[in-house]
N, C-alpha and C. Protein backbone atom coordinates (compact mmCIF):
# COMPACT_ATOMS: atom_id res chain seq x y z
N MET A 1 -64.15 5.11 -16.81
CA MET A 1 -63.74 5.30 -15.44
C MET A 1 -62.74 4.24 -15.01
N THR A 2 -62.94 3.02 -15.41
CA THR A 2 -62.04 1.93 -15.06
C THR A 2 -60.66 2.17 -15.66
N GLU A 3 -60.67 2.72 -16.87
CA GLU A 3 -59.37 3.00 -17.51
C GLU A 3 -58.62 4.07 -16.74
N LEU A 4 -59.30 5.06 -16.23
CA LEU A 4 -58.68 6.13 -15.46
C LEU A 4 -58.07 5.56 -14.17
N ILE A 5 -58.80 4.70 -13.52
CA ILE A 5 -58.29 4.06 -12.29
C ILE A 5 -57.06 3.22 -12.62
N LEU A 6 -57.11 2.50 -13.73
CA LEU A 6 -55.98 1.67 -14.16
C LEU A 6 -54.75 2.53 -14.45
N ILE A 7 -54.93 3.66 -15.09
CA ILE A 7 -53.81 4.56 -15.39
C ILE A 7 -53.23 5.13 -14.10
N ILE A 8 -54.10 5.52 -13.17
CA ILE A 8 -53.64 6.05 -11.88
C ILE A 8 -52.84 4.99 -11.13
N VAL A 9 -53.30 3.77 -11.12
CA VAL A 9 -52.59 2.66 -10.45
C VAL A 9 -51.23 2.46 -11.11
N GLN A 10 -51.17 2.49 -12.45
CA GLN A 10 -49.90 2.31 -13.16
C GLN A 10 -48.93 3.44 -12.86
N VAL A 11 -49.42 4.68 -12.78
CA VAL A 11 -48.57 5.82 -12.46
C VAL A 11 -48.02 5.68 -11.05
N ILE A 12 -48.89 5.30 -10.11
CA ILE A 12 -48.45 5.10 -8.72
C ILE A 12 -47.41 3.98 -8.65
N ALA A 13 -47.64 2.89 -9.38
CA ALA A 13 -46.70 1.77 -9.39
C ALA A 13 -45.36 2.22 -9.99
N ALA A 14 -45.42 2.99 -11.06
CA ALA A 14 -44.19 3.48 -11.71
C ALA A 14 -43.43 4.40 -10.76
N MET A 15 -44.15 5.26 -10.06
CA MET A 15 -43.50 6.14 -9.08
C MET A 15 -42.86 5.32 -7.96
N GLY A 16 -43.54 4.27 -7.56
CA GLY A 16 -43.00 3.38 -6.52
C GLY A 16 -41.70 2.73 -6.98
N VAL A 17 -41.65 2.31 -8.24
CA VAL A 17 -40.42 1.71 -8.78
C VAL A 17 -39.31 2.74 -8.81
N VAL A 18 -39.61 3.96 -9.28
CA VAL A 18 -38.60 5.02 -9.34
C VAL A 18 -38.08 5.34 -7.94
N ILE A 19 -38.99 5.48 -6.99
CA ILE A 19 -38.58 5.77 -5.61
C ILE A 19 -37.72 4.63 -5.06
N SER A 20 -38.09 3.39 -5.34
CA SER A 20 -37.32 2.24 -4.88
C SER A 20 -35.92 2.22 -5.48
N VAL A 21 -35.81 2.53 -6.76
CA VAL A 21 -34.50 2.56 -7.43
C VAL A 21 -33.62 3.67 -6.85
N VAL A 22 -34.21 4.84 -6.62
CA VAL A 22 -33.46 5.95 -6.02
C VAL A 22 -33.00 5.56 -4.62
N TYR A 23 -33.88 4.97 -3.84
CA TYR A 23 -33.54 4.53 -2.49
C TYR A 23 -32.42 3.49 -2.52
N LEU A 24 -32.52 2.54 -3.43
CA LEU A 24 -31.49 1.50 -3.57
C LEU A 24 -30.15 2.14 -3.93
N GLY A 25 -30.16 3.11 -4.84
CA GLY A 25 -28.93 3.83 -5.20
C GLY A 25 -28.31 4.53 -4.01
N MET A 26 -29.15 5.14 -3.19
CA MET A 26 -28.65 5.81 -1.98
C MET A 26 -28.04 4.79 -1.01
N GLN A 27 -28.67 3.64 -0.87
CA GLN A 27 -28.16 2.59 0.01
C GLN A 27 -26.80 2.08 -0.48
N ILE A 28 -26.69 1.86 -1.80
CA ILE A 28 -25.43 1.39 -2.37
C ILE A 28 -24.33 2.43 -2.15
N ASN A 29 -24.66 3.69 -2.37
CA ASN A 29 -23.69 4.77 -2.16
C ASN A 29 -23.23 4.81 -0.71
N GLN A 30 -24.18 4.69 0.21
CA GLN A 30 -23.83 4.69 1.63
C GLN A 30 -22.96 3.48 1.98
N GLN A 31 -23.29 2.31 1.45
CA GLN A 31 -22.50 1.11 1.71
C GLN A 31 -21.09 1.26 1.16
N ASN A 32 -20.95 1.87 -0.01
CA ASN A 32 -19.61 2.11 -0.58
C ASN A 32 -18.79 3.02 0.32
N LYS A 33 -19.40 4.05 0.88
CA LYS A 33 -18.70 4.94 1.80
C LYS A 33 -18.27 4.21 3.06
N ILE A 34 -19.16 3.36 3.57
CA ILE A 34 -18.83 2.58 4.77
C ILE A 34 -17.67 1.63 4.48
N THR A 35 -17.71 0.95 3.34
CA THR A 35 -16.64 0.03 2.96
C THR A 35 -15.32 0.76 2.80
N LYS A 36 -15.35 1.92 2.16
CA LYS A 36 -14.14 2.72 1.99
C LYS A 36 -13.57 3.15 3.34
N ALA A 37 -14.44 3.55 4.24
CA ALA A 37 -14.01 3.94 5.59
C ALA A 37 -13.41 2.75 6.33
N GLN A 38 -13.99 1.57 6.17
CA GLN A 38 -13.46 0.37 6.84
C GLN A 38 -12.08 0.02 6.29
N PHE A 39 -11.90 0.10 4.96
CA PHE A 39 -10.58 -0.14 4.37
C PHE A 39 -9.57 0.84 4.94
N GLY A 40 -9.95 2.12 4.97
CA GLY A 40 -9.05 3.15 5.49
C GLY A 40 -8.70 2.90 6.94
N HIS A 41 -9.70 2.53 7.72
CA HIS A 41 -9.45 2.25 9.14
C HIS A 41 -8.51 1.06 9.30
N SER A 42 -8.70 0.00 8.52
CA SER A 42 -7.83 -1.18 8.67
C SER A 42 -6.40 -0.85 8.25
N LEU A 43 -6.23 0.00 7.24
CA LEU A 43 -4.87 0.40 6.84
C LEU A 43 -4.21 1.25 7.91
N THR A 44 -4.97 2.16 8.50
CA THR A 44 -4.45 3.01 9.56
C THR A 44 -4.11 2.16 10.78
N GLN A 45 -4.99 1.23 11.12
CA GLN A 45 -4.75 0.36 12.27
C GLN A 45 -3.50 -0.49 12.07
N ARG A 46 -3.33 -0.99 10.86
CA ARG A 46 -2.14 -1.80 10.54
C ARG A 46 -0.87 -0.98 10.76
N GLN A 47 -0.88 0.26 10.34
CA GLN A 47 0.29 1.12 10.51
C GLN A 47 0.50 1.47 11.99
N TYR A 48 -0.56 1.80 12.69
CA TYR A 48 -0.44 2.11 14.12
C TYR A 48 0.08 0.90 14.90
N ASP A 49 -0.40 -0.29 14.56
CA ASP A 49 0.08 -1.50 15.24
C ASP A 49 1.58 -1.67 15.06
N ARG A 50 2.07 -1.41 13.86
CA ARG A 50 3.52 -1.50 13.63
C ARG A 50 4.27 -0.48 14.46
N PHE A 51 3.78 0.75 14.48
CA PHE A 51 4.44 1.79 15.27
C PHE A 51 4.44 1.42 16.75
N PHE A 52 3.29 0.98 17.24
CA PHE A 52 3.17 0.65 18.65
C PHE A 52 4.07 -0.53 19.02
N ASN A 53 4.06 -1.57 18.19
CA ASN A 53 4.90 -2.73 18.48
C ASN A 53 6.38 -2.38 18.43
N THR A 54 6.75 -1.46 17.57
CA THR A 54 8.14 -1.02 17.51
C THR A 54 8.53 -0.32 18.80
N THR A 55 7.64 0.49 19.34
CA THR A 55 7.97 1.18 20.58
C THR A 55 8.03 0.22 21.76
N LYS A 56 7.28 -0.86 21.72
CA LYS A 56 7.29 -1.84 22.82
C LYS A 56 8.51 -2.77 22.75
N ASP A 57 9.03 -3.01 21.56
CA ASP A 57 10.10 -3.98 21.37
C ASP A 57 11.44 -3.26 21.26
N SER A 58 12.16 -3.18 22.37
CA SER A 58 13.42 -2.42 22.37
C SER A 58 14.47 -3.05 21.46
N GLU A 59 14.51 -4.37 21.38
CA GLU A 59 15.49 -5.02 20.51
C GLU A 59 15.23 -4.68 19.05
N PHE A 60 13.96 -4.68 18.66
CA PHE A 60 13.63 -4.33 17.27
C PHE A 60 13.90 -2.85 17.01
N SER A 61 13.62 -2.01 17.99
CA SER A 61 13.91 -0.58 17.85
C SER A 61 15.41 -0.35 17.67
N GLU A 62 16.22 -1.09 18.44
CA GLU A 62 17.67 -0.98 18.28
C GLU A 62 18.10 -1.42 16.88
N PHE A 63 17.48 -2.47 16.39
CA PHE A 63 17.78 -2.94 15.04
C PHE A 63 17.44 -1.87 14.00
N LEU A 64 16.27 -1.26 14.11
CA LEU A 64 15.86 -0.23 13.16
C LEU A 64 16.77 1.00 13.24
N ALA A 65 17.31 1.27 14.42
CA ALA A 65 18.16 2.44 14.61
C ALA A 65 19.60 2.23 14.12
N LYS A 66 19.95 1.01 13.76
CA LYS A 66 21.31 0.74 13.27
C LYS A 66 21.57 1.49 11.98
N ASP A 67 22.86 1.68 11.71
CA ASP A 67 23.28 2.23 10.43
C ASP A 67 23.25 1.09 9.42
N TRP A 68 22.27 1.11 8.54
CA TRP A 68 22.10 0.01 7.59
C TRP A 68 23.16 0.02 6.49
N ALA A 69 24.01 1.02 6.48
CA ALA A 69 25.10 1.06 5.51
C ALA A 69 26.42 0.61 6.14
N ALA A 70 26.38 0.26 7.40
CA ALA A 70 27.61 -0.13 8.11
C ALA A 70 28.19 -1.43 7.55
N ASP A 71 29.51 -1.52 7.61
CA ASP A 71 30.19 -2.72 7.11
C ASP A 71 30.12 -3.88 8.10
N ASP A 72 29.79 -3.60 9.35
CA ASP A 72 29.81 -4.65 10.37
C ASP A 72 28.45 -5.32 10.58
N LEU A 73 27.52 -5.15 9.66
CA LEU A 73 26.22 -5.82 9.78
C LEU A 73 26.40 -7.32 9.58
N THR A 74 25.73 -8.08 10.41
CA THR A 74 25.80 -9.54 10.26
C THR A 74 24.86 -9.97 9.14
N HIS A 75 25.01 -11.24 8.73
CA HIS A 75 24.08 -11.77 7.73
C HIS A 75 22.64 -11.72 8.26
N THR A 76 22.50 -11.98 9.56
CA THR A 76 21.17 -11.92 10.17
C THR A 76 20.60 -10.51 10.09
N ASP A 77 21.43 -9.51 10.36
CA ASP A 77 20.98 -8.12 10.24
C ASP A 77 20.54 -7.82 8.81
N ARG A 78 21.35 -8.22 7.86
CA ARG A 78 21.03 -7.96 6.45
C ARG A 78 19.73 -8.67 6.05
N TRP A 79 19.56 -9.88 6.54
CA TRP A 79 18.34 -10.64 6.24
C TRP A 79 17.12 -9.93 6.81
N ARG A 80 17.24 -9.48 8.05
CA ARG A 80 16.14 -8.76 8.69
C ARG A 80 15.82 -7.45 7.96
N ILE A 81 16.87 -6.74 7.56
CA ILE A 81 16.69 -5.49 6.81
C ILE A 81 15.93 -5.77 5.52
N ASN A 82 16.36 -6.79 4.79
CA ASN A 82 15.69 -7.12 3.53
C ASN A 82 14.21 -7.42 3.75
N HIS A 83 13.91 -8.18 4.78
CA HIS A 83 12.50 -8.54 5.02
C HIS A 83 11.69 -7.36 5.55
N PHE A 84 12.32 -6.50 6.30
CA PHE A 84 11.63 -5.29 6.75
C PHE A 84 11.26 -4.42 5.54
N VAL A 85 12.22 -4.24 4.63
CA VAL A 85 11.96 -3.44 3.43
C VAL A 85 10.89 -4.10 2.58
N MET A 86 10.96 -5.43 2.45
CA MET A 86 9.91 -6.14 1.68
C MET A 86 8.54 -5.91 2.30
N MET A 87 8.46 -5.97 3.62
CA MET A 87 7.18 -5.75 4.30
C MET A 87 6.66 -4.34 3.99
N CYS A 88 7.54 -3.35 4.04
CA CYS A 88 7.12 -1.98 3.73
C CYS A 88 6.64 -1.87 2.29
N LEU A 89 7.34 -2.53 1.37
CA LEU A 89 6.94 -2.46 -0.04
C LEU A 89 5.62 -3.17 -0.29
N VAL A 90 5.44 -4.34 0.30
CA VAL A 90 4.18 -5.08 0.11
C VAL A 90 3.01 -4.25 0.66
N ASP A 91 3.23 -3.60 1.79
CA ASP A 91 2.20 -2.72 2.34
C ASP A 91 1.91 -1.58 1.37
N LEU A 92 2.96 -0.99 0.81
CA LEU A 92 2.78 0.10 -0.15
C LEU A 92 2.05 -0.39 -1.39
N PHE A 93 2.41 -1.57 -1.89
CA PHE A 93 1.73 -2.13 -3.07
C PHE A 93 0.22 -2.25 -2.80
N ASP A 94 -0.11 -2.77 -1.63
CA ASP A 94 -1.51 -2.96 -1.26
C ASP A 94 -2.26 -1.63 -1.21
N VAL A 95 -1.66 -0.65 -0.58
CA VAL A 95 -2.31 0.66 -0.45
C VAL A 95 -2.42 1.34 -1.81
N TYR A 96 -1.37 1.27 -2.62
CA TYR A 96 -1.40 1.86 -3.96
C TYR A 96 -2.56 1.28 -4.77
N ASP A 97 -2.69 -0.05 -4.74
CA ASP A 97 -3.77 -0.71 -5.48
C ASP A 97 -5.14 -0.26 -4.98
N LYS A 98 -5.29 -0.15 -3.67
CA LYS A 98 -6.58 0.27 -3.11
C LYS A 98 -6.90 1.72 -3.48
N VAL A 99 -5.89 2.57 -3.53
CA VAL A 99 -6.11 3.96 -3.95
C VAL A 99 -6.52 3.99 -5.41
N GLN A 100 -5.84 3.21 -6.25
CA GLN A 100 -6.17 3.18 -7.68
C GLN A 100 -7.60 2.69 -7.91
N GLU A 101 -8.05 1.77 -7.08
CA GLU A 101 -9.41 1.23 -7.21
C GLU A 101 -10.45 2.12 -6.54
N GLY A 102 -9.99 3.19 -5.87
CA GLY A 102 -10.91 4.11 -5.23
C GLY A 102 -11.43 3.63 -3.88
N PHE A 103 -10.78 2.62 -3.29
CA PHE A 103 -11.25 2.08 -2.02
C PHE A 103 -10.79 2.89 -0.82
N VAL A 104 -9.67 3.60 -0.95
CA VAL A 104 -9.16 4.40 0.17
C VAL A 104 -8.65 5.74 -0.33
N ASP A 105 -8.56 6.67 0.58
CA ASP A 105 -8.08 8.01 0.28
C ASP A 105 -6.57 7.99 0.02
N GLU A 106 -6.11 8.88 -0.82
CA GLU A 106 -4.69 8.95 -1.19
C GLU A 106 -3.79 9.28 0.00
N SER A 107 -4.34 9.83 1.05
CA SER A 107 -3.53 10.16 2.23
C SER A 107 -2.86 8.93 2.82
N HIS A 108 -3.50 7.77 2.72
CA HIS A 108 -2.89 6.53 3.22
C HIS A 108 -1.63 6.20 2.42
N LEU A 109 -1.67 6.43 1.14
CA LEU A 109 -0.52 6.19 0.27
C LEU A 109 0.58 7.21 0.56
N ASN A 110 0.20 8.46 0.69
CA ASN A 110 1.19 9.51 0.93
C ASN A 110 1.96 9.30 2.22
N SER A 111 1.29 8.85 3.28
CA SER A 111 2.01 8.64 4.55
C SER A 111 3.05 7.54 4.40
N ARG A 112 2.76 6.53 3.61
CA ARG A 112 3.71 5.44 3.43
C ARG A 112 4.88 5.84 2.53
N ILE A 113 4.58 6.49 1.43
CA ILE A 113 5.65 6.87 0.51
C ILE A 113 6.55 7.92 1.16
N ASN A 114 5.98 8.80 1.97
CA ASN A 114 6.81 9.79 2.67
C ASN A 114 7.77 9.12 3.65
N ALA A 115 7.31 8.09 4.33
CA ALA A 115 8.19 7.37 5.26
C ALA A 115 9.32 6.66 4.51
N LEU A 116 9.01 6.05 3.39
CA LEU A 116 10.04 5.35 2.61
C LEU A 116 11.04 6.34 2.01
N ARG A 117 10.57 7.50 1.67
CA ARG A 117 11.41 8.52 1.06
C ARG A 117 12.46 9.05 2.03
N LEU A 118 12.23 8.90 3.33
CA LEU A 118 13.15 9.44 4.33
C LEU A 118 14.52 8.78 4.31
N GLY A 119 14.62 7.55 3.91
CA GLY A 119 15.95 6.94 3.91
C GLY A 119 15.98 5.44 3.69
N VAL A 120 14.94 4.75 4.11
CA VAL A 120 14.94 3.29 3.99
C VAL A 120 15.23 2.87 2.56
N MET A 121 14.55 3.49 1.61
CA MET A 121 14.70 3.07 0.22
C MET A 121 15.95 3.67 -0.44
N LYS A 122 16.60 4.58 0.24
CA LYS A 122 17.82 5.17 -0.32
C LYS A 122 19.07 4.42 0.15
N SER A 123 18.88 3.50 1.08
CA SER A 123 19.99 2.66 1.51
C SER A 123 20.27 1.62 0.43
N ASP A 124 21.47 1.05 0.45
CA ASP A 124 21.79 -0.02 -0.51
C ASP A 124 20.82 -1.18 -0.37
N ALA A 125 20.45 -1.48 0.87
CA ALA A 125 19.50 -2.58 1.10
C ALA A 125 18.16 -2.25 0.46
N GLY A 126 17.68 -1.05 0.68
CA GLY A 126 16.40 -0.64 0.10
C GLY A 126 16.42 -0.70 -1.42
N LYS A 127 17.49 -0.21 -2.01
CA LYS A 127 17.62 -0.23 -3.47
C LYS A 127 17.67 -1.65 -4.00
N GLY A 128 18.42 -2.51 -3.30
CA GLY A 128 18.52 -3.91 -3.73
C GLY A 128 17.20 -4.64 -3.66
N VAL A 129 16.48 -4.45 -2.57
CA VAL A 129 15.17 -5.11 -2.42
C VAL A 129 14.20 -4.55 -3.47
N TRP A 130 14.22 -3.24 -3.67
CA TRP A 130 13.34 -2.64 -4.67
C TRP A 130 13.65 -3.21 -6.06
N ASN A 131 14.92 -3.31 -6.39
CA ASN A 131 15.30 -3.83 -7.70
C ASN A 131 14.76 -5.24 -7.92
N TYR A 132 14.70 -6.01 -6.85
CA TYR A 132 14.14 -7.36 -6.93
C TYR A 132 12.61 -7.33 -6.97
N MET A 133 12.00 -6.56 -6.08
CA MET A 133 10.54 -6.56 -5.93
C MET A 133 9.81 -5.89 -7.10
N LYS A 134 10.48 -4.97 -7.79
CA LYS A 134 9.79 -4.25 -8.85
C LYS A 134 9.41 -5.15 -10.02
N ARG A 135 9.98 -6.32 -10.08
CA ARG A 135 9.60 -7.29 -11.12
C ARG A 135 8.13 -7.70 -11.00
N ASN A 136 7.59 -7.53 -9.81
CA ASN A 136 6.20 -7.93 -9.54
C ASN A 136 5.18 -6.84 -9.85
N ARG A 137 5.65 -5.67 -10.26
CA ARG A 137 4.75 -4.54 -10.44
C ARG A 137 4.75 -4.06 -11.89
N SER A 138 3.77 -3.25 -12.22
CA SER A 138 3.63 -2.72 -13.58
C SER A 138 4.67 -1.63 -13.84
N LYS A 139 4.91 -1.39 -15.10
CA LYS A 139 5.84 -0.31 -15.49
C LYS A 139 5.34 1.03 -14.94
N GLU A 140 4.04 1.23 -15.01
CA GLU A 140 3.43 2.47 -14.51
C GLU A 140 3.74 2.66 -13.02
N PHE A 141 3.54 1.60 -12.24
CA PHE A 141 3.83 1.69 -10.80
C PHE A 141 5.30 1.96 -10.58
N ASN A 142 6.17 1.23 -11.26
CA ASN A 142 7.61 1.38 -11.08
C ASN A 142 8.08 2.80 -11.37
N GLU A 143 7.56 3.37 -12.45
CA GLU A 143 7.93 4.75 -12.78
C GLU A 143 7.44 5.71 -11.71
N TRP A 144 6.20 5.52 -11.25
CA TRP A 144 5.66 6.36 -10.19
C TRP A 144 6.52 6.26 -8.93
N PHE A 145 6.81 5.02 -8.51
CA PHE A 145 7.56 4.79 -7.28
C PHE A 145 8.95 5.41 -7.36
N GLU A 146 9.66 5.16 -8.45
CA GLU A 146 11.03 5.66 -8.56
C GLU A 146 11.06 7.18 -8.62
N PHE A 147 10.08 7.79 -9.25
CA PHE A 147 10.02 9.25 -9.25
C PHE A 147 9.73 9.77 -7.84
N GLU A 148 8.80 9.13 -7.14
CA GLU A 148 8.43 9.56 -5.79
C GLU A 148 9.59 9.42 -4.81
N VAL A 149 10.33 8.33 -4.92
CA VAL A 149 11.39 8.05 -3.94
C VAL A 149 12.74 8.59 -4.37
N TYR A 150 13.11 8.33 -5.61
CA TYR A 150 14.46 8.68 -6.09
C TYR A 150 14.49 9.90 -6.99
N GLU A 151 13.32 10.39 -7.38
CA GLU A 151 13.16 11.53 -8.28
C GLU A 151 13.76 11.27 -9.66
N ARG A 152 13.97 10.02 -9.98
CA ARG A 152 14.47 9.60 -11.28
C ARG A 152 14.37 8.08 -11.35
N GLU A 153 14.65 7.52 -12.52
CA GLU A 153 14.68 6.07 -12.64
C GLU A 153 15.91 5.56 -11.89
N LEU A 154 15.72 4.52 -11.11
CA LEU A 154 16.82 4.00 -10.30
C LEU A 154 17.76 3.16 -11.14
N GLU A 155 19.02 3.44 -11.02
CA GLU A 155 20.05 2.61 -11.64
C GLU A 155 20.80 1.92 -10.51
N VAL A 156 20.77 0.60 -10.51
CA VAL A 156 21.37 -0.16 -9.42
C VAL A 156 22.84 -0.39 -9.73
N ASP A 157 23.66 -0.18 -8.71
CA ASP A 157 25.09 -0.40 -8.83
C ASP A 157 25.35 -1.89 -9.05
N PRO A 158 26.14 -2.24 -10.09
CA PRO A 158 26.40 -3.67 -10.35
C PRO A 158 27.12 -4.37 -9.21
N ASN A 159 27.80 -3.62 -8.36
CA ASN A 159 28.49 -4.23 -7.21
C ASN A 159 27.53 -4.52 -6.05
N GLN A 160 26.29 -4.14 -6.22
CA GLN A 160 25.27 -4.32 -5.18
C GLN A 160 25.17 -5.78 -4.73
N GLN A 161 25.33 -6.70 -5.66
CA GLN A 161 25.15 -8.11 -5.35
C GLN A 161 26.18 -8.61 -4.33
N LYS A 162 27.33 -7.97 -4.24
CA LYS A 162 28.35 -8.38 -3.26
C LYS A 162 27.80 -8.32 -1.84
N ARG A 163 26.89 -7.41 -1.62
CA ARG A 163 26.31 -7.25 -0.30
C ARG A 163 25.56 -8.48 0.17
N THR A 164 25.03 -9.26 -0.76
CA THR A 164 24.22 -10.42 -0.39
C THR A 164 24.95 -11.74 -0.58
N GLU A 165 26.24 -11.68 -0.89
CA GLU A 165 26.98 -12.94 -1.04
C GLU A 165 26.94 -13.74 0.25
N GLY A 166 26.77 -15.04 0.10
CA GLY A 166 26.72 -15.92 1.25
C GLY A 166 25.35 -15.99 1.92
N MET A 167 24.40 -15.28 1.38
CA MET A 167 23.05 -15.30 1.95
C MET A 167 22.12 -16.03 0.96
N ASN A 168 21.08 -16.59 1.46
CA ASN A 168 20.13 -17.32 0.61
C ASN A 168 19.10 -16.37 0.01
N ILE A 169 19.57 -15.44 -0.78
CA ILE A 169 18.67 -14.47 -1.37
C ILE A 169 18.55 -14.74 -2.86
N ILE A 170 19.62 -14.47 -3.60
CA ILE A 170 19.62 -14.72 -5.05
C ILE A 170 20.93 -15.43 -5.37
N ARG A 171 20.82 -16.50 -6.07
CA ARG A 171 22.00 -17.25 -6.48
C ARG A 171 21.97 -17.40 -7.99
N GLU A 172 23.15 -17.32 -8.57
CA GLU A 172 23.27 -17.49 -10.03
C GLU A 172 23.32 -18.95 -10.38
């Protein structure tokens, strides 16, 4: 009789362990979903903040509305353009990495790449900054990016460097 009670206790204990492990798995899964949602929310908030601040800042909006291919851009304009493009690329790098790691939905990446595809990255400034920044990324990312934006591997015009002469960007 004692052995029967001992077996029953062991079965109950084993069931308790199984139930605890299942419950822990459910908690981890729920926490992963919450974390993914928080990442997604912070990425969306970051983008909304940029949009909102652009609408509030008329001087910056005028700068963004300029023809970035114009010959009359000042060195300050070119510098600002380069840093704006860098900011967009760094944001894209961050989102791409988070999508690859499964932390956020691909829709966050698509909204950013679609915006860059509209024209920013097709300007000489965009191409020049990309040519510089792509050194920091993997071959896989570079191929993906260039196909998404340019629909082919980007070939940079050798005269591109003339655009940055006199600026503290790249010096030989």
